[in-house]
Amino acid sequence: MGTVTRIVVDDEEFVLTADQDLVDLMGRIEKAARTRPTFVAFSASVGMMSVLVCSGTRVKVTVEPQQDRDDLPLVPADPSLEWDY
């Protein structure tokens, strides 16, 4: 089972690609937060992203297990959504 890595930058969430070096990215964000505002680029599921990082930027990184579709809980159908023609 793989993992999914998410990064939230000032309430904007991105899913990182599997080839993104997380340790390197975290180091670049930390370095940018110690200097004047600097753009930090990374590879996300929606494409290449660049975020402006400064000392006040809030960043949260999570690495979570990736669930297989078979592992997802079954949600019972809502009978109010069914209709007859």
PDB file of N, CA and C in Angstrom:
ATOM      1  N   MET A   1       0.851  -1.169   0.000  1.00  0.00           N
ATOM      2  CA  MET A   1       0.000   0.000   0.000  1.00  0.00           C
ATOM      3  C   MET A   1       0.903   1.241   0.000  1.00  0.00           C
ATOM      4  N   GLY A   2       0.573   2.218  -0.814  1.00  0.00           N
ATOM      5  CA  GLY A   2       1.348   3.441  -0.912  1.00  0.00           C
ATOM      6  C   GLY A   2       0.867   4.505   0.061  1.00  0.00           C
ATOM      7  N   THR A   3       1.370   5.692  -0.121  1.00  0.00           N
ATOM      8  CA  THR A   3       0.977   6.819   0.719  1.00  0.00           C
ATOM      9  C   THR A   3       0.574   7.996  -0.163  1.00  0.00           C
ATOM     10  N   VAL A   4      -0.165   8.905   0.433  1.00  0.00           N
ATOM     11  CA  VAL A   4      -0.539  10.163  -0.205  1.00  0.00           C
ATOM     12  C   VAL A   4       0.040  11.270   0.657  1.00  0.00           C
ATOM     13  N   THR A   5       0.773  12.184   0.024  1.00  0.00           N
ATOM     14  CA  THR A   5       1.372  13.297   0.758  1.00  0.00           C
ATOM     15  C   THR A   5       0.639  14.573   0.381  1.00  0.00           C
ATOM     16  N   ARG A   6       0.149  15.254   1.388  1.00  0.00           N
ATOM     17  CA  ARG A   6      -0.582  16.505   1.199  1.00  0.00           C
ATOM     18  C   ARG A   6       0.192  17.635   1.871  1.00  0.00           C
ATOM     19  N   ILE A   7       0.164  18.791   1.219  1.00  0.00           N
ATOM     20  CA  ILE A   7       0.759  19.980   1.811  1.00  0.00           C
ATOM     21  C   ILE A   7      -0.288  21.078   1.777  1.00  0.00           C
ATOM     22  N   VAL A   8      -0.467  21.731   2.910  1.00  0.00           N
ATOM     23  CA  VAL A   8      -1.405  22.845   3.012  1.00  0.00           C
ATOM     24  C   VAL A   8      -0.585  24.104   3.249  1.00  0.00           C
ATOM     25  N   VAL A   9      -0.737  25.059   2.354  1.00  0.00           N
ATOM     26  CA  VAL A   9      -0.028  26.338   2.453  1.00  0.00           C
ATOM     27  C   VAL A   9      -1.071  27.425   2.615  1.00  0.00           C
ATOM     28  N   ASP A  10      -1.125  28.018   3.800  1.00  0.00           N
ATOM     29  CA  ASP A  10      -2.125  29.059   4.089  1.00  0.00           C
ATOM     30  C   ASP A  10      -3.522  28.652   3.626  1.00  0.00           C
ATOM     31  N   ASP A  11      -3.970  27.483   4.054  1.00  0.00           N
ATOM     32  CA  ASP A  11      -5.318  26.956   3.803  1.00  0.00           C
ATOM     33  C   ASP A  11      -5.553  26.465   2.379  1.00  0.00           C
ATOM     34  N   GLU A  12      -4.539  26.431   1.538  1.00  0.00           N
ATOM     35  CA  GLU A  12      -4.656  25.897   0.174  1.00  0.00           C
ATOM     36  C   GLU A  12      -3.969  24.530   0.166  1.00  0.00           C
ATOM     37  N   GLU A  13      -4.735  23.472  -0.124  1.00  0.00           N
ATOM     38  CA  GLU A  13      -4.192  22.117  -0.064  1.00  0.00           C
ATOM     39  C   GLU A  13      -3.761  21.619  -1.434  1.00  0.00           C
ATOM     40  N   PHE A  14      -2.621  20.915  -1.457  1.00  0.00           N
ATOM     41  CA  PHE A  14      -2.096  20.314  -2.673  1.00  0.00           C
ATOM     42  C   PHE A  14      -1.717  18.869  -2.360  1.00  0.00           C
ATOM     43  N   VAL A  15      -1.940  17.979  -3.309  1.00  0.00           N
ATOM     44  CA  VAL A  15      -1.477  16.593  -3.201  1.00  0.00           C
ATOM     45  C   VAL A  15      -0.188  16.506  -4.006  1.00  0.00           C
ATOM     46  N   LEU A  16       0.882  16.108  -3.348  1.00  0.00           N
ATOM     47  CA  LEU A  16       2.181  16.025  -4.014  1.00  0.00           C
ATOM     48  C   LEU A  16       2.261  14.779  -4.891  1.00  0.00           C
ATOM     49  N   THR A  17       3.023  14.869  -5.966  1.00  0.00           N
ATOM     50  CA  THR A  17       3.250  13.702  -6.805  1.00  0.00           C
ATOM     51  C   THR A  17       4.218  12.764  -6.095  1.00  0.00           C
ATOM     52  N   ALA A  18       4.210  11.509  -6.508  1.00  0.00           N
ATOM     53  CA  ALA A  18       5.043  10.498  -5.857  1.00  0.00           C
ATOM     54  C   ALA A  18       6.535  10.786  -6.045  1.00  0.00           C
ATOM     55  N   ASP A  19       6.895  11.489  -7.115  1.00  0.00           N
ATOM     56  CA  ASP A  19       8.317  11.755  -7.366  1.00  0.00           C
ATOM     57  C   ASP A  19       8.835  12.997  -6.642  1.00  0.00           C
ATOM     58  N   GLN A  20       7.968  13.716  -5.945  1.00  0.00           N
ATOM     59  CA  GLN A  20       8.391  14.916  -5.218  1.00  0.00           C
ATOM     60  C   GLN A  20       9.191  14.509  -3.986  1.00  0.00           C
ATOM     61  N   ASP A  21      10.404  15.021  -3.841  1.00  0.00           N
ATOM     62  CA  ASP A  21      11.265  14.742  -2.689  1.00  0.00           C
ATOM     63  C   ASP A  21      10.769  15.579  -1.511  1.00  0.00           C
ATOM     64  N   LEU A  22      10.087  14.926  -0.586  1.00  0.00           N
ATOM     65  CA  LEU A  22       9.455  15.637   0.527  1.00  0.00           C
ATOM     66  C   LEU A  22      10.481  16.282   1.458  1.00  0.00           C
ATOM     67  N   VAL A  23      11.566  15.587   1.761  1.00  0.00           N
ATOM     68  CA  VAL A  23      12.589  16.138   2.658  1.00  0.00           C
ATOM     69  C   VAL A  23      13.198  17.394   2.043  1.00  0.00           C
ATOM     70  N   ASP A  24      13.490  17.346   0.741  1.00  0.00           N
ATOM     71  CA  ASP A  24      14.034  18.511   0.044  1.00  0.00           C
ATOM     72  C   ASP A  24      13.038  19.672   0.065  1.00  0.00           C
ATOM     73  N   LEU A  25      11.772  19.381  -0.229  1.00  0.00           N
ATOM     74  CA  LEU A  25      10.743  20.426  -0.247  1.00  0.00           C
ATOM     75  C   LEU A  25      10.594  21.075   1.124  1.00  0.00           C
ATOM     76  N   MET A  26      10.555  20.279   2.157  1.00  0.00           N
ATOM     77  CA  MET A  26      10.421  20.834   3.507  1.00  0.00           C
ATOM     78  C   MET A  26      11.634  21.705   3.853  1.00  0.00           C
ATOM     79  N   GLY A  27      12.812  21.302   3.432  1.00  0.00           N
ATOM     80  CA  GLY A  27      14.015  22.103   3.666  1.00  0.00           C
ATOM     81  C   GLY A  27      13.959  23.435   2.935  1.00  0.00           C
ATOM     82  N   ARG A  28      13.471  23.408   1.684  1.00  0.00           N
ATOM     83  CA  ARG A  28      13.373  24.653   0.916  1.00  0.00           C
ATOM     84  C   ARG A  28      12.326  25.593   1.509  1.00  0.00           C
ATOM     85  N   ILE A  29      11.225  25.035   2.010  1.00  0.00           N
ATOM     86  CA  ILE A  29      10.191  25.866   2.651  1.00  0.00           C
ATOM     87  C   ILE A  29      10.747  26.477   3.931  1.00  0.00           C
ATOM     88  N   GLU A  30      11.433  25.667   4.727  1.00  0.00           N
ATOM     89  CA  GLU A  30      12.023  26.166   5.974  1.00  0.00           C
ATOM     90  C   GLU A  30      13.036  27.269   5.698  1.00  0.00           C
ATOM     91  N   LYS A  31      13.869  27.079   4.689  1.00  0.00           N
ATOM     92  CA  LYS A  31      14.869  28.097   4.330  1.00  0.00           C
ATOM     93  C   LYS A  31      14.184  29.383   3.867  1.00  0.00           C
ATOM     94  N   ALA A  32      13.145  29.246   3.040  1.00  0.00           N
ATOM     95  CA  ALA A  32      12.428  30.425   2.541  1.00  0.00           C
ATOM     96  C   ALA A  32      11.747  31.183   3.677  1.00  0.00           C
ATOM     97  N   ALA A  33      11.270  30.468   4.678  1.00  0.00           N
ATOM     98  CA  ALA A  33      10.602  31.119   5.806  1.00  0.00           C
ATOM     99  C   ALA A  33      11.574  31.928   6.657  1.00  0.00           C
ATOM    100  N   ARG A  34      12.865  31.619   6.570  1.00  0.00           N
ATOM    101  CA  ARG A  34      13.877  32.336   7.355  1.00  0.00           C
ATOM    102  C   ARG A  34      14.436  33.555   6.628  1.00  0.00           C
ATOM    103  N   THR A  35      14.118  33.707   5.357  1.00  0.00           N
ATOM    104  CA  THR A  35      14.659  34.808   4.566  1.00  0.00           C
ATOM    105  C   THR A  35      13.530  35.729   4.128  1.00  0.00           C
ATOM    106  N   ARG A  36      13.829  36.603   3.218  1.00  0.00           N
ATOM    107  CA  ARG A  36      12.776  37.455   2.673  1.00  0.00           C
ATOM    108  C   ARG A  36      11.842  36.575   1.832  1.00  0.00           C
ATOM    109  N   PRO A  37      10.628  37.030   1.522  1.00  0.00           N
ATOM    110  CA  PRO A  37       9.673  36.207   0.772  1.00  0.00           C
ATOM    111  C   PRO A  37      10.294  35.617  -0.499  1.00  0.00           C
ATOM    112  N   THR A  38      10.102  34.321  -0.677  1.00  0.00           N
ATOM    113  CA  THR A  38      10.704  33.573  -1.774  1.00  0.00           C
ATOM    114  C   THR A  38       9.697  32.569  -2.320  1.00  0.00           C
ATOM    115  N   PHE A  39       9.665  32.417  -3.645  1.00  0.00           N
ATOM    116  CA  PHE A  39       8.814  31.392  -4.242  1.00  0.00           C
ATOM    117  C   PHE A  39       9.477  30.024  -4.088  1.00  0.00           C
ATOM    118  N   VAL A  40       8.659  29.046  -3.726  1.00  0.00           N
ATOM    119  CA  VAL A  40       9.104  27.657  -3.625  1.00  0.00           C
ATOM    120  C   VAL A  40       8.248  26.849  -4.590  1.00  0.00           C
ATOM    121  N   ALA A  41       8.899  26.125  -5.491  1.00  0.00           N
ATOM    122  CA  ALA A  41       8.202  25.325  -6.498  1.00  0.00           C
ATOM    123  C   ALA A  41       8.174  23.858  -6.082  1.00  0.00           C
ATOM    124  N   PHE A  42       7.099  23.179  -6.459  1.00  0.00           N
ATOM    125  CA  PHE A  42       6.979  21.745  -6.189  1.00  0.00           C
ATOM    126  C   PHE A  42       6.025  21.120  -7.193  1.00  0.00           C
ATOM    127  N   SER A  43       6.051  19.806  -7.267  1.00  0.00           N
ATOM    128  CA  SER A  43       5.229  19.052  -8.202  1.00  0.00           C
ATOM    129  C   SER A  43       4.003  18.513  -7.472  1.00  0.00           C
ATOM    130  N   ALA A  44       2.828  18.948  -7.914  1.00  0.00           N
ATOM    131  CA  ALA A  44       1.569  18.510  -7.315  1.00  0.00           C
ATOM    132  C   ALA A  44       0.738  17.772  -8.358  1.00  0.00           C
ATOM    133  N   SER A  45      -0.325  17.136  -7.909  1.00  0.00           N
ATOM    134  CA  SER A  45      -1.166  16.360  -8.821  1.00  0.00           C
ATOM    135  C   SER A  45      -1.797  17.223  -9.910  1.00  0.00           C
ATOM    136  N   VAL A  46      -1.928  18.523  -9.672  1.00  0.00           N
ATOM    137  CA  VAL A  46      -2.517  19.428 -10.670  1.00  0.00           C
ATOM    138  C   VAL A  46      -1.462  20.063 -11.560  1.00  0.00           C
ATOM    139  N   GLY A  47      -0.185  19.758 -11.331  1.00  0.00           N
ATOM    140  CA  GLY A  47       0.903  20.306 -12.135  1.00  0.00           C
ATOM    141  C   GLY A  47       1.959  20.964 -11.260  1.00  0.00           C
ATOM    142  N   MET A  48       2.846  21.697 -11.900  1.00  0.00           N
ATOM    143  CA  MET A  48       3.893  22.405 -11.160  1.00  0.00           C
ATOM    144  C   MET A  48       3.283  23.614 -10.456  1.00  0.00           C
ATOM    145  N   MET A  49       3.605  23.764  -9.198  1.00  0.00           N
ATOM    146  CA  MET A  49       3.072  24.860  -8.386  1.00  0.00           C
ATOM    147  C   MET A  49       4.231  25.681  -7.841  1.00  0.00           C
ATOM    148  N   SER A  50       3.978  26.954  -7.616  1.00  0.00           N
ATOM    149  CA  SER A  50       4.924  27.834  -6.925  1.00  0.00           C
ATOM    150  C   SER A  50       4.140  28.621  -5.900  1.00  0.00           C
ATOM    151  N   VAL A  51       4.621  28.615  -4.675  1.00  0.00           N
ATOM    152  CA  VAL A  51       3.962  29.369  -3.612  1.00  0.00           C
ATOM    153  C   VAL A  51       4.972  30.343  -3.015  1.00  0.00           C
ATOM    154  N   LEU A  52       4.484  31.509  -2.655  1.00  0.00           N
ATOM    155  CA  LEU A  52       5.332  32.525  -2.039  1.00  0.00           C
ATOM    156  C   LEU A  52       5.376  32.257  -0.544  1.00  0.00           C
ATOM    157  N   VAL A  53       6.567  31.984  -0.038  1.00  0.00           N
ATOM    158  CA  VAL A  53       6.747  31.638   1.374  1.00  0.00           C
ATOM    159  C   VAL A  53       7.480  32.764   2.073  1.00  0.00           C
ATOM    160  N   CYS A  54       6.959  33.153   3.238  1.00  0.00           N
ATOM    161  CA  CYS A  54       7.614  34.148   4.087  1.00  0.00           C
ATOM    162  C   CYS A  54       7.540  33.651   5.528  1.00  0.00           C
ATOM    163  N   SER A  55       8.025  34.438   6.448  1.00  0.00           N
ATOM    164  CA  SER A  55       8.051  33.999   7.850  1.00  0.00           C
ATOM    165  C   SER A  55       6.655  33.777   8.428  1.00  0.00           C
ATOM    166  N   GLY A  56       5.642  34.382   7.849  1.00  0.00           N
ATOM    167  CA  GLY A  56       4.280  34.222   8.362  1.00  0.00           C
ATOM    168  C   GLY A  56       3.466  33.157   7.651  1.00  0.00           C
ATOM    169  N   THR A  57       4.052  32.468   6.688  1.00  0.00           N
ATOM    170  CA  THR A  57       3.331  31.436   5.934  1.00  0.00           C
ATOM    171  C   THR A  57       3.102  30.218   6.817  1.00  0.00           C
ATOM    172  N   ARG A  58       1.861  29.732   6.805  1.00  0.00           N
ATOM    173  CA  ARG A  58       1.521  28.525   7.568  1.00  0.00           C
ATOM    174  C   ARG A  58       1.565  27.335   6.624  1.00  0.00           C
ATOM    175  N   VAL A  59       2.341  26.320   7.002  1.00  0.00           N
ATOM    176  CA  VAL A  59       2.501  25.132   6.164  1.00  0.00           C
ATOM    177  C   VAL A  59       2.269  23.893   7.025  1.00  0.00           C
ATOM    178  N   LYS A  60       1.473  22.971   6.487  1.00  0.00           N
ATOM    179  CA  LYS A  60       1.246  21.687   7.168  1.00  0.00           C
ATOM    180  C   LYS A  60       1.460  20.582   6.140  1.00  0.00           C
ATOM    181  N   VAL A  61       2.219  19.558   6.516  1.00  0.00           N
ATOM    182  CA  VAL A  61       2.492  18.423   5.644  1.00  0.00           C
ATOM    183  C   VAL A  61       1.944  17.166   6.311  1.00  0.00           C
ATOM    184  N   THR A  62       1.204  16.364   5.554  1.00  0.00           N
ATOM    185  CA  THR A  62       0.710  15.088   6.067  1.00  0.00           C
ATOM    186  C   THR A  62       1.043  13.984   5.077  1.00  0.00           C
ATOM    187  N   VAL A  63       1.428  12.845   5.622  1.00  0.00           N
ATOM    188  CA  VAL A  63       1.653  11.642   4.824  1.00  0.00           C
ATOM    189  C   VAL A  63       0.714  10.593   5.395  1.00  0.00           C
ATOM    190  N   GLU A  64      -0.200  10.123   4.559  1.00  0.00           N
ATOM    191  CA  GLU A  64      -1.216   9.185   5.039  1.00  0.00           C
ATOM    192  C   GLU A  64      -1.269   7.968   4.123  1.00  0.00           C
ATOM    193  N   PRO A  65      -1.705   6.831   4.659  1.00  0.00           N
ATOM    194  CA  PRO A  65      -1.818   5.640   3.823  1.00  0.00           C
ATOM    195  C   PRO A  65      -2.840   5.864   2.716  1.00  0.00           C
ATOM    196  N   GLN A  66      -2.520   5.361   1.545  1.00  0.00           N
ATOM    197  CA  GLN A  66      -3.449   5.459   0.426  1.00  0.00           C
ATOM    198  C   GLN A  66      -4.415   4.287   0.521  1.00  0.00           C
ATOM    199  N   GLN A  67      -5.702   4.596   0.476  1.00  0.00           N
ATOM    200  CA  GLN A  67      -6.709   3.548   0.570  1.00  0.00           C
ATOM    201  C   GLN A  67      -7.020   3.005  -0.812  1.00  0.00           C
ATOM    202  N   ASP A  68      -7.110   1.669  -0.885  1.00  0.00           N
ATOM    203  CA  ASP A  68      -7.576   1.049  -2.115  1.00  0.00           C
ATOM    204  C   ASP A  68      -9.078   1.235  -2.192  1.00  0.00           C
ATOM    205  N   ARG A  69      -9.612   1.207  -3.379  1.00  0.00           N
ATOM    206  CA  ARG A  69     -11.054   1.373  -3.539  1.00  0.00           C
ATOM    207  C   ARG A  69     -11.809   0.282  -2.787  1.00  0.00           C
ATOM    208  N   ASP A  70     -11.229  -0.912  -2.672  1.00  0.00           N
ATOM    209  CA  ASP A  70     -11.886  -2.001  -1.959  1.00  0.00           C
ATOM    210  C   ASP A  70     -11.904  -1.752  -0.452  1.00  0.00           C
ATOM    211  N   ASP A  71     -11.004  -0.900   0.042  1.00  0.00           N
ATOM    212  CA  ASP A  71     -10.919  -0.623   1.478  1.00  0.00           C
ATOM    213  C   ASP A  71     -11.892   0.461   1.926  1.00  0.00           C
ATOM    214  N   LEU A  72     -12.485   1.193   0.968  1.00  0.00           N
ATOM    215  CA  LEU A  72     -13.387   2.282   1.329  1.00  0.00           C
ATOM    216  C   LEU A  72     -14.663   1.718   1.915  1.00  0.00           C
ATOM    217  N   PRO A  73     -15.199   2.350   2.957  1.00  0.00           N
ATOM    218  CA  PRO A  73     -16.432   1.847   3.554  1.00  0.00           C
ATOM    219  C   PRO A  73     -17.601   2.012   2.584  1.00  0.00           C
ATOM    220  N   LEU A  74     -18.505   1.059   2.629  1.00  0.00           N
ATOM    221  CA  LEU A  74     -19.699   1.153   1.800  1.00  0.00           C
ATOM    222  C   LEU A  74     -20.671   2.136   2.440  1.00  0.00           C
ATOM    223  N   VAL A  75     -21.156   3.034   1.658  1.00  0.00           N
ATOM    224  CA  VAL A  75     -22.116   4.014   2.148  1.00  0.00           C
ATOM    225  C   VAL A  75     -23.496   3.564   1.691  1.00  0.00           C
ATOM    226  N   PRO A  76     -24.409   3.334   2.620  1.00  0.00           N
ATOM    227  CA  PRO A  76     -25.732   2.895   2.201  1.00  0.00           C
ATOM    228  C   PRO A  76     -26.407   3.961   1.338  1.00  0.00           C
ATOM    229  N   ALA A  77     -27.138   3.502   0.356  1.00  0.00           N
ATOM    230  CA  ALA A  77     -27.845   4.423  -0.534  1.00  0.00           C
ATOM    231  C   ALA A  77     -28.905   5.181   0.244  1.00  0.00           C
ATOM    232  N   ASP A  78     -29.048   6.425  -0.072  1.00  0.00           N
ATOM    233  CA  ASP A  78     -30.062   7.264   0.547  1.00  0.00           C
ATOM    234  C   ASP A  78     -31.371   7.055  -0.210  1.00  0.00           C
ATOM    235  N   PRO A  79     -32.393   6.458   0.424  1.00  0.00           N
ATOM    236  CA  PRO A  79     -33.635   6.175  -0.288  1.00  0.00           C
ATOM    237  C   PRO A  79     -34.339   7.428  -0.817  1.00  0.00           C
ATOM    238  N   SER A  80     -34.045   8.573  -0.233  1.00  0.00           N
ATOM    239  CA  SER A  80     -34.701   9.792  -0.701  1.00  0.00           C
ATOM    240  C   SER A  80     -34.160  10.231  -2.061  1.00  0.00           C
ATOM    241  N   LEU A  81     -33.030   9.654  -2.482  1.00  0.00           N
ATOM    242  CA  LEU A  81     -32.452  10.020  -3.765  1.00  0.00           C
ATOM    243  C   LEU A  81     -32.959   9.147  -4.905  1.00  0.00           C
ATOM    244  N   GLU A  82     -33.704   8.093  -4.599  1.00  0.00           N
ATOM    245  CA  GLU A  82     -34.238   7.215  -5.639  1.00  0.00           C
ATOM    246  C   GLU A  82     -35.577   7.735  -6.114  1.00  0.00           C
ATOM    247  N   TRP A  83     -35.843   7.538  -7.383  1.00  0.00           N
ATOM    248  CA  TRP A  83     -37.119   7.961  -7.942  1.00  0.00           C
ATOM    249  C   TRP A  83     -37.571   6.994  -9.021  1.00  0.00           C
ATOM    250  N   ASP A  84     -38.802   6.993  -9.297  1.00  0.00           N
ATOM    251  CA  ASP A  84     -39.371   6.172 -10.364  1.00  0.00           C
ATOM    252  C   ASP A  84     -39.679   7.042 -11.550  1.00  0.00           C
ATOM    253  N   TYR A  85     -39.585   6.461 -12.741  1.00  0.00           N
ATOM    254  CA  TYR A  85     -39.906   7.224 -13.939  1.00  0.00           C
ATOM    255  C   TYR A  85     -41.348   7.050 -14.289  1.00  0.00           C
TER     256      TYR A  85
END
